[in-house]
C-alpha cells in the first residue's frame, strides 16, 4: 500500500493506494500516530484504495475517535468495492463519507 500525506493548514490529507488489510494496517496506524497531533481535521482520499479489511476498519475507527474530539474526519472518493464494505459493516452510519 502507498500512503501519501500532506498538511493543508491544519487539515491532514492522506491518500491511500492499494490494499488496506492486516499486512498494511499497521503502516497506516503509524502514519496517523505521527501526524494526528498536529491536525485539526483529517481528510482521507480513497480514490485508489482497492480493498479494505477489518484491520483497516479498526484503524479508521481509531482515527475517527481521535478526530471527533477535534475538527472531524471525512473520507472522500470511495469506490464501489470499499463503499460496499462500509455499507455492510455499518461504517456508513459512523463515518463522514463524501
PDB file of N, CA and C in Angstrom:
ATOM      1  N   UNK A   1       0.840  -1.179   0.000  1.00  0.00           N
ATOM      2  CA  UNK A   1       0.000   0.000   0.000  1.00  0.00           C
ATOM      3  C   UNK A   1       0.883   1.238   0.000  1.00  0.00           C
ATOM      4  N   UNK A   2       0.428   2.250  -0.689  1.00  0.00           N
ATOM      5  CA  UNK A   2       1.136   3.522  -0.744  1.00  0.00           C
ATOM      6  C   UNK A   2       0.337   4.556   0.051  1.00  0.00           C
ATOM      7  N   UNK A   3       1.031   5.317   0.905  1.00  0.00           N
ATOM      8  CA  UNK A   3       0.403   6.348   1.721  1.00  0.00           C
ATOM      9  C   UNK A   3       1.032   7.688   1.364  1.00  0.00           C
ATOM     10  N   UNK A   4       0.201   8.646   0.954  1.00  0.00           N
ATOM     11  CA  UNK A   4       0.677   9.999   0.689  1.00  0.00           C
ATOM     12  C   UNK A   4       0.053  10.926   1.717  1.00  0.00           C
ATOM     13  N   UNK A   5       0.920  11.631   2.460  1.00  0.00           N
ATOM     14  CA  UNK A   5       0.442  12.552   3.490  1.00  0.00           C
ATOM     15  C   UNK A   5       0.815  13.980   3.100  1.00  0.00           C
ATOM     16  N   UNK A   6      -0.095  14.908   3.406  1.00  0.00           N
ATOM     17  CA  UNK A   6       0.214  16.321   3.239  1.00  0.00           C
ATOM     18  C   UNK A   6      -0.629  17.118   4.232  1.00  0.00           C
ATOM     19  N   UNK A   7      -0.104  18.265   4.611  1.00  0.00           N
ATOM     20  CA  UNK A   7      -0.838  19.163   5.508  1.00  0.00           C
ATOM     21  C   UNK A   7      -1.257  20.388   4.705  1.00  0.00           C
ATOM     22  N   UNK A   8      -2.520  20.732   4.804  1.00  0.00           N
ATOM     23  CA  UNK A   8      -3.044  21.944   4.191  1.00  0.00           C
ATOM     24  C   UNK A   8      -3.571  22.784   5.348  1.00  0.00           C
ATOM     25  N   UNK A   9      -2.727  23.650   5.882  1.00  0.00           N
ATOM     26  CA  UNK A   9      -3.069  24.352   7.115  1.00  0.00           C
ATOM     27  C   UNK A   9      -3.106  23.349   8.247  1.00  0.00           C
ATOM     28  N   UNK A  10      -4.281  23.219   8.893  1.00  0.00           N
ATOM     29  CA  UNK A  10      -4.436  22.254   9.984  1.00  0.00           C
ATOM     30  C   UNK A  10      -5.189  21.006   9.528  1.00  0.00           C
ATOM     31  N   UNK A  11      -5.382  20.881   8.196  1.00  0.00           N
ATOM     32  CA  UNK A  11      -6.066  19.699   7.651  1.00  0.00           C
ATOM     33  C   UNK A  11      -5.030  18.708   7.164  1.00  0.00           C
ATOM     34  N   UNK A  12      -4.986  17.546   7.799  1.00  0.00           N
ATOM     35  CA  UNK A  12      -4.119  16.461   7.361  1.00  0.00           C
ATOM     36  C   UNK A  12      -4.843  15.723   6.253  1.00  0.00           C
ATOM     37  N   UNK A  13      -4.172  15.573   5.113  1.00  0.00           N
ATOM     38  CA  UNK A  13      -4.754  14.874   3.982  1.00  0.00           C
ATOM     39  C   UNK A  13      -3.934  13.615   3.721  1.00  0.00           C
ATOM     40  N   UNK A  14      -4.624  12.488   3.675  1.00  0.00           N
ATOM     41  CA  UNK A  14      -3.964  11.204   3.432  1.00  0.00           C
ATOM     42  C   UNK A  14      -4.649  10.520   2.259  1.00  0.00           C
ATOM     43  N   UNK A  15      -3.854  10.148   1.266  1.00  0.00           N
ATOM     44  CA  UNK A  15      -4.362   9.395   0.115  1.00  0.00           C
ATOM     45  C   UNK A  15      -3.772   7.989   0.177  1.00  0.00           C
ATOM     46  N   UNK A  16      -4.624   7.000   0.044  1.00  0.00           N
ATOM     47  CA  UNK A  16      -4.186   5.610   0.093  1.00  0.00           C
ATOM     48  C   UNK A  16      -4.309   4.972  -1.285  1.00  0.00           C
ATOM     49  N   UNK A  17      -3.343   4.122  -1.603  1.00  0.00           N
ATOM     50  CA  UNK A  17      -3.369   3.400  -2.866  1.00  0.00           C
ATOM     51  C   UNK A  17      -3.027   1.936  -2.599  1.00  0.00           C
ATOM     52  N   UNK A  18      -3.857   1.035  -3.112  1.00  0.00           N
ATOM     53  CA  UNK A  18      -3.601  -0.393  -2.928  1.00  0.00           C
ATOM     54  C   UNK A  18      -4.608  -1.040  -2.004  1.00  0.00           C
ATOM     55  N   UNK A  19      -4.106  -1.900  -1.114  1.00  0.00           N
ATOM     56  CA  UNK A  19      -4.957  -2.662  -0.203  1.00  0.00           C
ATOM     57  C   UNK A  19      -4.670  -2.271   1.246  1.00  0.00           C
ATOM     58  N   UNK A  20      -5.739  -1.986   1.994  1.00  0.00           N
ATOM     59  CA  UNK A  20      -5.623  -1.717   3.423  1.00  0.00           C
ATOM     60  C   UNK A  20      -6.115  -2.970   4.137  1.00  0.00           C
ATOM     61  N   UNK A  21      -5.160  -3.803   4.564  1.00  0.00           N
ATOM     62  CA  UNK A  21      -5.505  -5.095   5.153  1.00  0.00           C
ATOM     63  C   UNK A  21      -4.624  -5.376   6.364  1.00  0.00           C
ATOM     64  N   UNK A  22      -4.623  -6.597   6.823  1.00  0.00           N
ATOM     65  CA  UNK A  22      -3.868  -6.979   8.022  1.00  0.00           C
ATOM     66  C   UNK A  22      -2.386  -6.651   7.896  1.00  0.00           C
ATOM     67  N   UNK A  23      -1.854  -6.786   6.708  1.00  0.00           N
ATOM     68  CA  UNK A  23      -0.435  -6.531   6.480  1.00  0.00           C
ATOM     69  C   UNK A  23      -0.105  -5.037   6.480  1.00  0.00           C
ATOM     70  N   UNK A  24      -0.995  -4.218   5.907  1.00  0.00           N
ATOM     71  CA  UNK A  24      -0.694  -2.794   5.719  1.00  0.00           C
ATOM     72  C   UNK A  24      -1.329  -1.867   6.767  1.00  0.00           C
ATOM     73  N   UNK A  25      -2.313  -2.348   7.508  1.00  0.00           N
ATOM     74  CA  UNK A  25      -2.982  -1.510   8.513  1.00  0.00           C
ATOM     75  C   UNK A  25      -2.007  -0.941   9.548  1.00  0.00           C
ATOM     76  N   UNK A  26      -1.023  -1.707  10.041  1.00  0.00           N
ATOM     77  CA  UNK A  26      -0.078  -1.123  10.999  1.00  0.00           C
ATOM     78  C   UNK A  26       0.719   0.051  10.416  1.00  0.00           C
ATOM     79  N   UNK A  27       0.979   0.003   9.120  1.00  0.00           N
ATOM     80  CA  UNK A  27       1.696   1.098   8.462  1.00  0.00           C
ATOM     81  C   UNK A  27       0.857   2.384   8.486  1.00  0.00           C
ATOM     82  N   UNK A  28      -0.436   2.263   8.198  1.00  0.00           N
ATOM     83  CA  UNK A  28      -1.323   3.425   8.253  1.00  0.00           C
ATOM     84  C   UNK A  28      -1.467   3.916   9.684  1.00  0.00           C
ATOM     85  N   UNK A  29      -1.574   2.996  10.617  1.00  0.00           N
ATOM     86  CA  UNK A  29      -1.701   3.363  12.028  1.00  0.00           C
ATOM     87  C   UNK A  29      -0.497   4.186  12.480  1.00  0.00           C
ATOM     88  N   UNK A  30       0.706   3.788  12.086  1.00  0.00           N
ATOM     89  CA  UNK A  30       1.925   4.538  12.436  1.00  0.00           C
ATOM     90  C   UNK A  30       1.925   5.910  11.783  1.00  0.00           C
ATOM     91  N   UNK A  31       1.521   5.979  10.523  1.00  0.00           N
ATOM     92  CA  UNK A  31       1.474   7.261   9.811  1.00  0.00           C
ATOM     93  C   UNK A  31       0.498   8.220  10.482  1.00  0.00           C
ATOM     94  N   UNK A  32      -0.636   7.700  10.927  1.00  0.00           N
ATOM     95  CA  UNK A  32      -1.624   8.540  11.607  1.00  0.00           C
ATOM     96  C   UNK A  32      -1.115   8.994  12.972  1.00  0.00           C
ATOM     97  N   UNK A  33      -0.528   8.087  13.738  1.00  0.00           N
ATOM     98  CA  UNK A  33       0.008   8.446  15.060  1.00  0.00           C
ATOM     99  C   UNK A  33       1.032   9.565  14.960  1.00  0.00           C
ATOM    100  N   UNK A  34       1.832   9.519  13.910  1.00  0.00           N
ATOM    101  CA  UNK A  34       2.888  10.511  13.733  1.00  0.00           C
ATOM    102  C   UNK A  34       2.347  11.880  13.331  1.00  0.00           C
ATOM    103  N   UNK A  35       1.095  11.942  12.850  1.00  0.00           N
ATOM    104  CA  UNK A  35       0.599  13.192  12.268  1.00  0.00           C
ATOM    105  C   UNK A  35      -0.651  13.783  12.911  1.00  0.00           C
ATOM    106  N   UNK A  36      -1.446  12.985  13.613  1.00  0.00           N
ATOM    107  CA  UNK A  36      -2.740  13.471  14.104  1.00  0.00           C
ATOM    108  C   UNK A  36      -2.633  14.568  15.149  1.00  0.00           C
ATOM    109  N   UNK A  37      -1.562  14.596  15.925  1.00  0.00           N
ATOM    110  CA  UNK A  37      -1.425  15.627  16.956  1.00  0.00           C
ATOM    111  C   UNK A  37      -1.414  17.032  16.366  1.00  0.00           C
ATOM    112  N   UNK A  38      -0.859  17.174  15.166  1.00  0.00           N
ATOM    113  CA  UNK A  38      -0.732  18.486  14.531  1.00  0.00           C
ATOM    114  C   UNK A  38      -1.950  18.865  13.696  1.00  0.00           C
ATOM    115  N   UNK A  39      -2.918  17.971  13.572  1.00  0.00           N
ATOM    116  CA  UNK A  39      -4.062  18.204  12.690  1.00  0.00           C
ATOM    117  C   UNK A  39      -5.332  18.504  13.474  1.00  0.00           C
ATOM    118  N   UNK A  40      -6.135  19.430  12.928  1.00  0.00           N
ATOM    119  CA  UNK A  40      -7.466  19.691  13.481  1.00  0.00           C
ATOM    120  C   UNK A  40      -8.530  18.901  12.742  1.00  0.00           C
ATOM    121  N   UNK A  41      -8.273  18.628  11.453  1.00  0.00           N
ATOM    122  CA  UNK A  41      -9.186  17.823  10.652  1.00  0.00           C
ATOM    123  C   UNK A  41      -8.374  16.807   9.848  1.00  0.00           C
ATOM    124  N   UNK A  42      -9.051  15.750   9.441  1.00  0.00           N
ATOM    125  CA  UNK A  42      -8.416  14.693   8.656  1.00  0.00           C
ATOM    126  C   UNK A  42      -9.290  14.386   7.447  1.00  0.00           C
ATOM    127  N   UNK A  43      -8.686  14.449   6.268  1.00  0.00           N
ATOM    128  CA  UNK A  43      -9.363  14.066   5.036  1.00  0.00           C
ATOM    129  C   UNK A  43      -8.616  12.879   4.447  1.00  0.00           C
ATOM    130  N   UNK A  44      -9.349  11.791   4.221  1.00  0.00           N
ATOM    131  CA  UNK A  44      -8.736  10.590   3.654  1.00  0.00           C
ATOM    132  C   UNK A  44      -9.295  10.363   2.253  1.00  0.00           C
ATOM    133  N   UNK A  45      -8.408  10.265   1.288  1.00  0.00           N
ATOM    134  CA  UNK A  45      -8.767  10.072  -0.117  1.00  0.00           C
ATOM    135  C   UNK A  45      -8.609   8.594  -0.461  1.00  0.00           C
ATOM    136  N   UNK A  46      -9.728   7.952  -0.787  1.00  0.00           N
ATOM    137  CA  UNK A  46      -9.725   6.514  -1.080  1.00  0.00           C
ATOM    138  C   UNK A  46      -9.896   6.222  -2.567  1.00  0.00           C
ATOM    139  N   UNK A  47      -9.621   7.204  -3.429  1.00  0.00           N
ATOM    140  CA  UNK A  47      -9.825   7.023  -4.866  1.00  0.00           C
ATOM    141  C   UNK A  47      -9.064   5.815  -5.414  1.00  0.00           C
ATOM    142  N   UNK A  48      -7.860   5.572  -4.895  1.00  0.00           N
ATOM    143  CA  UNK A  48      -7.028   4.481  -5.406  1.00  0.00           C
ATOM    144  C   UNK A  48      -6.930   3.301  -4.434  1.00  0.00           C
ATOM    145  N   UNK A  49      -7.817   3.287  -3.431  1.00  0.00           N
ATOM    146  CA  UNK A  49      -7.839   2.171  -2.485  1.00  0.00           C
ATOM    147  C   UNK A  49      -8.659   1.036  -3.088  1.00  0.00           C
ATOM    148  N   UNK A  50      -8.036  -0.123  -3.262  1.00  0.00           N
ATOM    149  CA  UNK A  50      -8.684  -1.255  -3.920  1.00  0.00           C
ATOM    150  C   UNK A  50      -9.491  -2.133  -2.971  1.00  0.00           C
ATOM    151  N   UNK A  51      -9.093  -2.164  -1.689  1.00  0.00           N
ATOM    152  CA  UNK A  51      -9.683  -3.140  -0.760  1.00  0.00           C
ATOM    153  C   UNK A  51      -9.450  -2.654   0.661  1.00  0.00           C
ATOM    154  N   UNK A  52     -10.399  -2.970   1.535  1.00  0.00           N
ATOM    155  CA  UNK A  52     -10.219  -2.677   2.966  1.00  0.00           C
ATOM    156  C   UNK A  52     -10.730  -3.874   3.769  1.00  0.00           C
ATOM    157  N   UNK A  53      -9.937  -4.301   4.760  1.00  0.00           N
ATOM    158  CA  UNK A  53     -10.314  -5.435   5.610  1.00  0.00           C
ATOM    159  C   UNK A  53     -10.732  -4.919   6.988  1.00  0.00           C
ATOM    160  N   UNK A  54     -11.072  -5.846   7.861  1.00  0.00           N
ATOM    161  CA  UNK A  54     -11.462  -5.467   9.226  1.00  0.00           C
ATOM    162  C   UNK A  54     -10.310  -4.778   9.959  1.00  0.00           C
ATOM    163  N   UNK A  55      -9.082  -5.152   9.654  1.00  0.00           N
ATOM    164  CA  UNK A  55      -7.932  -4.486  10.277  1.00  0.00           C
ATOM    165  C   UNK A  55      -7.875  -3.022   9.845  1.00  0.00           C
ATOM    166  N   UNK A  56      -8.171  -2.759   8.595  1.00  0.00           N
ATOM    167  CA  UNK A  56      -8.215  -1.382   8.097  1.00  0.00           C
ATOM    168  C   UNK A  56      -9.360  -0.607   8.721  1.00  0.00           C
ATOM    169  N   UNK A  57     -10.504  -1.250   8.876  1.00  0.00           N
ATOM    170  CA  UNK A  57     -11.655  -0.599   9.508  1.00  0.00           C
ATOM    171  C   UNK A  57     -11.339  -0.210  10.946  1.00  0.00           C
ATOM    172  N   UNK A  58     -10.596  -1.067  11.645  1.00  0.00           N
ATOM    173  CA  UNK A  58     -10.217  -0.768  13.031  1.00  0.00           C
ATOM    174  C   UNK A  58      -9.362   0.494  13.095  1.00  0.00           C
ATOM    175  N   UNK A  59      -8.427   0.646  12.163  1.00  0.00           N
ATOM    176  CA  UNK A  59      -7.568   1.840  12.129  1.00  0.00           C
ATOM    177  C   UNK A  59      -8.414   3.087  11.851  1.00  0.00           C
ATOM    178  N   UNK A  60      -9.368   2.967  10.929  1.00  0.00           N
ATOM    179  CA  UNK A  60     -10.245   4.107  10.632  1.00  0.00           C
ATOM    180  C   UNK A  60     -11.083   4.495  11.837  1.00  0.00           C
ATOM    181  N   UNK A  61     -11.609   3.501  12.542  1.00  0.00           N
ATOM    182  CA  UNK A  61     -12.424   3.779  13.715  1.00  0.00           C
ATOM    183  C   UNK A  61     -11.604   4.471  14.798  1.00  0.00           C
ATOM    184  N   UNK A  62     -10.383   4.040  14.987  1.00  0.00           N
ATOM    185  CA  UNK A  62      -9.489   4.660  15.962  1.00  0.00           C
ATOM    186  C   UNK A  62      -9.209   6.118  15.587  1.00  0.00           C
ATOM    187  N   UNK A  63      -8.921   6.370  14.314  1.00  0.00           N
ATOM    188  CA  UNK A  63      -8.667   7.739  13.855  1.00  0.00           C
ATOM    189  C   UNK A  63      -9.924   8.592  14.007  1.00  0.00           C
ATOM    190  N   UNK A  64     -11.085   8.004  13.717  1.00  0.00           N
ATOM    191  CA  UNK A  64     -12.356   8.727  13.846  1.00  0.00           C
ATOM    192  C   UNK A  64     -12.594   9.159  15.295  1.00  0.00           C
ATOM    193  N   UNK A  65     -12.303   8.279  16.234  1.00  0.00           N
ATOM    194  CA  UNK A  65     -12.481   8.614  17.653  1.00  0.00           C
ATOM    195  C   UNK A  65     -11.593   9.781  18.058  1.00  0.00           C
ATOM    196  N   UNK A  66     -10.362   9.778  17.602  1.00  0.00           N
ATOM    197  CA  UNK A  66      -9.432  10.864  17.925  1.00  0.00           C
ATOM    198  C   UNK A  66      -9.889  12.172  17.278  1.00  0.00           C
ATOM    199  N   UNK A  67     -10.240  12.113  16.006  1.00  0.00           N
ATOM    200  CA  UNK A  67     -10.581  13.330  15.272  1.00  0.00           C
ATOM    201  C   UNK A  67     -11.957  13.869  15.633  1.00  0.00           C
ATOM    202  N   UNK A  68     -12.844  13.038  16.170  1.00  0.00           N
ATOM    203  CA  UNK A  68     -14.163  13.538  16.570  1.00  0.00           C
ATOM    204  C   UNK A  68     -14.058  14.499  17.751  1.00  0.00           C
ATOM    205  N   UNK A  69     -12.953  14.439  18.481  1.00  0.00           N
ATOM    206  CA  UNK A  69     -12.717  15.370  19.595  1.00  0.00           C
ATOM    207  C   UNK A  69     -12.074  16.663  19.099  1.00  0.00           C
ATOM    208  N   UNK A  70     -11.721  16.687  17.828  1.00  0.00           N
ATOM    209  CA  UNK A  70     -11.126  17.871  17.200  1.00  0.00           C
ATOM    210  C   UNK A  70     -12.106  18.392  16.157  1.00  0.00           C
ATOM    211  N   UNK A  71     -11.636  18.613  14.943  1.00  0.00           N
ATOM    212  CA  UNK A  71     -12.476  19.172  13.886  1.00  0.00           C
ATOM    213  C   UNK A  71     -13.189  18.153  13.029  1.00  0.00           C
ATOM    214  N   UNK A  72     -12.851  16.874  13.192  1.00  0.00           N
ATOM    215  CA  UNK A  72     -13.549  15.826  12.452  1.00  0.00           C
ATOM    216  C   UNK A  72     -12.692  15.145  11.400  1.00  0.00           C
ATOM    217  N   UNK A  73     -13.282  14.126  10.808  1.00  0.00           N
ATOM    218  CA  UNK A  73     -12.613  13.316   9.792  1.00  0.00           C
ATOM    219  C   UNK A  73     -13.614  13.019   8.691  1.00  0.00           C
ATOM    220  N   UNK A  74     -13.161  13.099   7.436  1.00  0.00           N
ATOM    221  CA  UNK A  74     -14.029  12.718   6.330  1.00  0.00           C
ATOM    222  C   UNK A  74     -13.244  11.856   5.355  1.00  0.00           C
ATOM    223  N   UNK A  75     -13.992  11.000   4.649  1.00  0.00           N
ATOM    224  CA  UNK A  75     -13.416  10.121   3.651  1.00  0.00           C
ATOM    225  C   UNK A  75     -14.028  10.506   2.310  1.00  0.00           C
ATOM    226  N   UNK A  76     -13.175  10.711   1.316  1.00  0.00           N
ATOM    227  CA  UNK A  76     -13.641  11.151   0.003  1.00  0.00           C
ATOM    228  C   UNK A  76     -13.219  10.157  -1.077  1.00  0.00           C
ATOM    229  N   UNK A  77     -13.930  10.206  -2.209  1.00  0.00           N
ATOM    230  CA  UNK A  77     -13.619   9.425  -3.413  1.00  0.00           C
ATOM    231  C   UNK A  77     -13.576   7.918  -3.149  1.00  0.00           C
ATOM    232  N   UNK A  78     -14.619   7.411  -2.527  1.00  0.00           N
ATOM    233  CA  UNK A  78     -14.698   5.982  -2.199  1.00  0.00           C
ATOM    234  C   UNK A  78     -15.260   5.220  -3.402  1.00  0.00           C
ATOM    235  N   UNK A  79     -14.574   4.155  -3.801  1.00  0.00           N
ATOM    236  CA  UNK A  79     -15.059   3.352  -4.929  1.00  0.00           C
ATOM    237  C   UNK A  79     -16.156   2.379  -4.474  1.00  0.00           C
ATOM    238  N   UNK A  80     -16.761   1.678  -5.428  1.00  0.00           N
ATOM    239  CA  UNK A  80     -17.895   0.799  -5.129  1.00  0.00           C
ATOM    240  C   UNK A  80     -17.531  -0.350  -4.192  1.00  0.00           C
ATOM    241  N   UNK A  81     -16.344  -0.925  -4.348  1.00  0.00           N
ATOM    242  CA  UNK A  81     -15.927  -2.072  -3.530  1.00  0.00           C
ATOM    243  C   UNK A  81     -15.808  -1.669  -2.065  1.00  0.00           C
ATOM    244  N   UNK A  82     -15.098  -0.576  -1.821  1.00  0.00           N
ATOM    245  CA  UNK A  82     -14.907  -0.093  -0.441  1.00  0.00           C
ATOM    246  C   UNK A  82     -16.233   0.420   0.114  1.00  0.00           C
ATOM    247  N   UNK A  83     -17.027   1.087  -0.717  1.00  0.00           N
ATOM    248  CA  UNK A  83     -18.322   1.592  -0.282  1.00  0.00           C
ATOM    249  C   UNK A  83     -19.224   0.448   0.177  1.00  0.00           C
ATOM    250  N   UNK A  84     -19.173  -0.670  -0.523  1.00  0.00           N
ATOM    251  CA  UNK A  84     -19.981  -1.828  -0.136  1.00  0.00           C
ATOM    252  C   UNK A  84     -19.542  -2.378   1.224  1.00  0.00           C
ATOM    253  N   UNK A  85     -18.238  -2.388   1.489  1.00  0.00           N
ATOM    254  CA  UNK A  85     -17.737  -2.827   2.796  1.00  0.00           C
ATOM    255  C   UNK A  85     -18.261  -1.889   3.888  1.00  0.00           C
ATOM    256  N   UNK A  86     -18.218  -0.575   3.630  1.00  0.00           N
ATOM    257  CA  UNK A  86     -18.743   0.398   4.599  1.00  0.00           C
ATOM    258  C   UNK A  86     -20.233   0.182   4.837  1.00  0.00           C
ATOM    259  N   UNK A  87     -20.973  -0.123   3.791  1.00  0.00           N
ATOM    260  CA  UNK A  87     -22.418  -0.344   3.894  1.00  0.00           C
ATOM    261  C   UNK A  87     -22.723  -1.587   4.724  1.00  0.00           C
ATOM    262  N   UNK A  88     -22.069  -2.705   4.409  1.00  0.00           N
ATOM    263  CA  UNK A  88     -22.331  -3.982   5.068  1.00  0.00           C
ATOM    264  C   UNK A  88     -21.936  -3.940   6.548  1.00  0.00           C
ATOM    265  N   UNK A  89     -20.860  -3.247   6.862  1.00  0.00           N
ATOM    266  CA  UNK A  89     -20.364  -3.206   8.237  1.00  0.00           C
ATOM    267  C   UNK A  89     -21.030  -2.133   9.096  1.00  0.00           C
ATOM    268  N   UNK A  90     -21.811  -1.251   8.471  1.00  0.00           N
ATOM    269  CA  UNK A  90     -22.446  -0.174   9.217  1.00  0.00           C
ATOM    270  C   UNK A  90     -21.557   1.052   9.386  1.00  0.00           C
ATOM    271  N   UNK A  91     -20.380   1.042   8.787  1.00  0.00           N
ATOM    272  CA  UNK A  91     -19.473   2.176   8.913  1.00  0.00           C
ATOM    273  C   UNK A  91     -20.001   3.414   8.193  1.00  0.00           C
ATOM    274  N   UNK A  92     -20.912   3.239   7.249  1.00  0.00           N
ATOM    275  CA  UNK A  92     -21.514   4.395   6.569  1.00  0.00           C
ATOM    276  C   UNK A  92     -22.289   5.258   7.555  1.00  0.00           C
ATOM    277  N   UNK A  93     -22.790   4.644   8.614  1.00  0.00           N
ATOM    278  CA  UNK A  93     -23.546   5.382   9.620  1.00  0.00           C
ATOM    279  C   UNK A  93     -22.623   6.048  10.640  1.00  0.00           C
ATOM    280  N   UNK A  94     -21.381   5.632  10.695  1.00  0.00           N
ATOM    281  CA  UNK A  94     -20.430   6.145  11.678  1.00  0.00           C
ATOM    282  C   UNK A  94     -19.527   7.221  11.071  1.00  0.00           C
ATOM    283  N   UNK A  95     -19.004   6.944   9.881  1.00  0.00           N
ATOM    284  CA  UNK A  95     -18.014   7.818   9.252  1.00  0.00           C
ATOM    285  C   UNK A  95     -18.684   8.839   8.334  1.00  0.00           C
ATOM    286  N   UNK A  96     -18.021   9.978   8.147  1.00  0.00           N
ATOM    287  CA  UNK A  96     -18.452  11.005   7.204  1.00  0.00           C
ATOM    288  C   UNK A  96     -17.823  10.654   5.854  1.00  0.00           C
ATOM    289  N   UNK A  97     -18.644  10.112   4.952  1.00  0.00           N
ATOM    290  CA  UNK A  97     -18.157   9.659   3.650  1.00  0.00           C
ATOM    291  C   UNK A  97     -18.806  10.516   2.570  1.00  0.00           C
ATOM    292  N   UNK A  98     -17.953  11.151   1.767  1.00  0.00           N
ATOM    293  CA  UNK A  98     -18.457  12.010   0.690  1.00  0.00           C
ATOM    294  C   UNK A  98     -18.250  11.368  -0.653  1.00  0.00           C
TER     295      UNK A  98
END
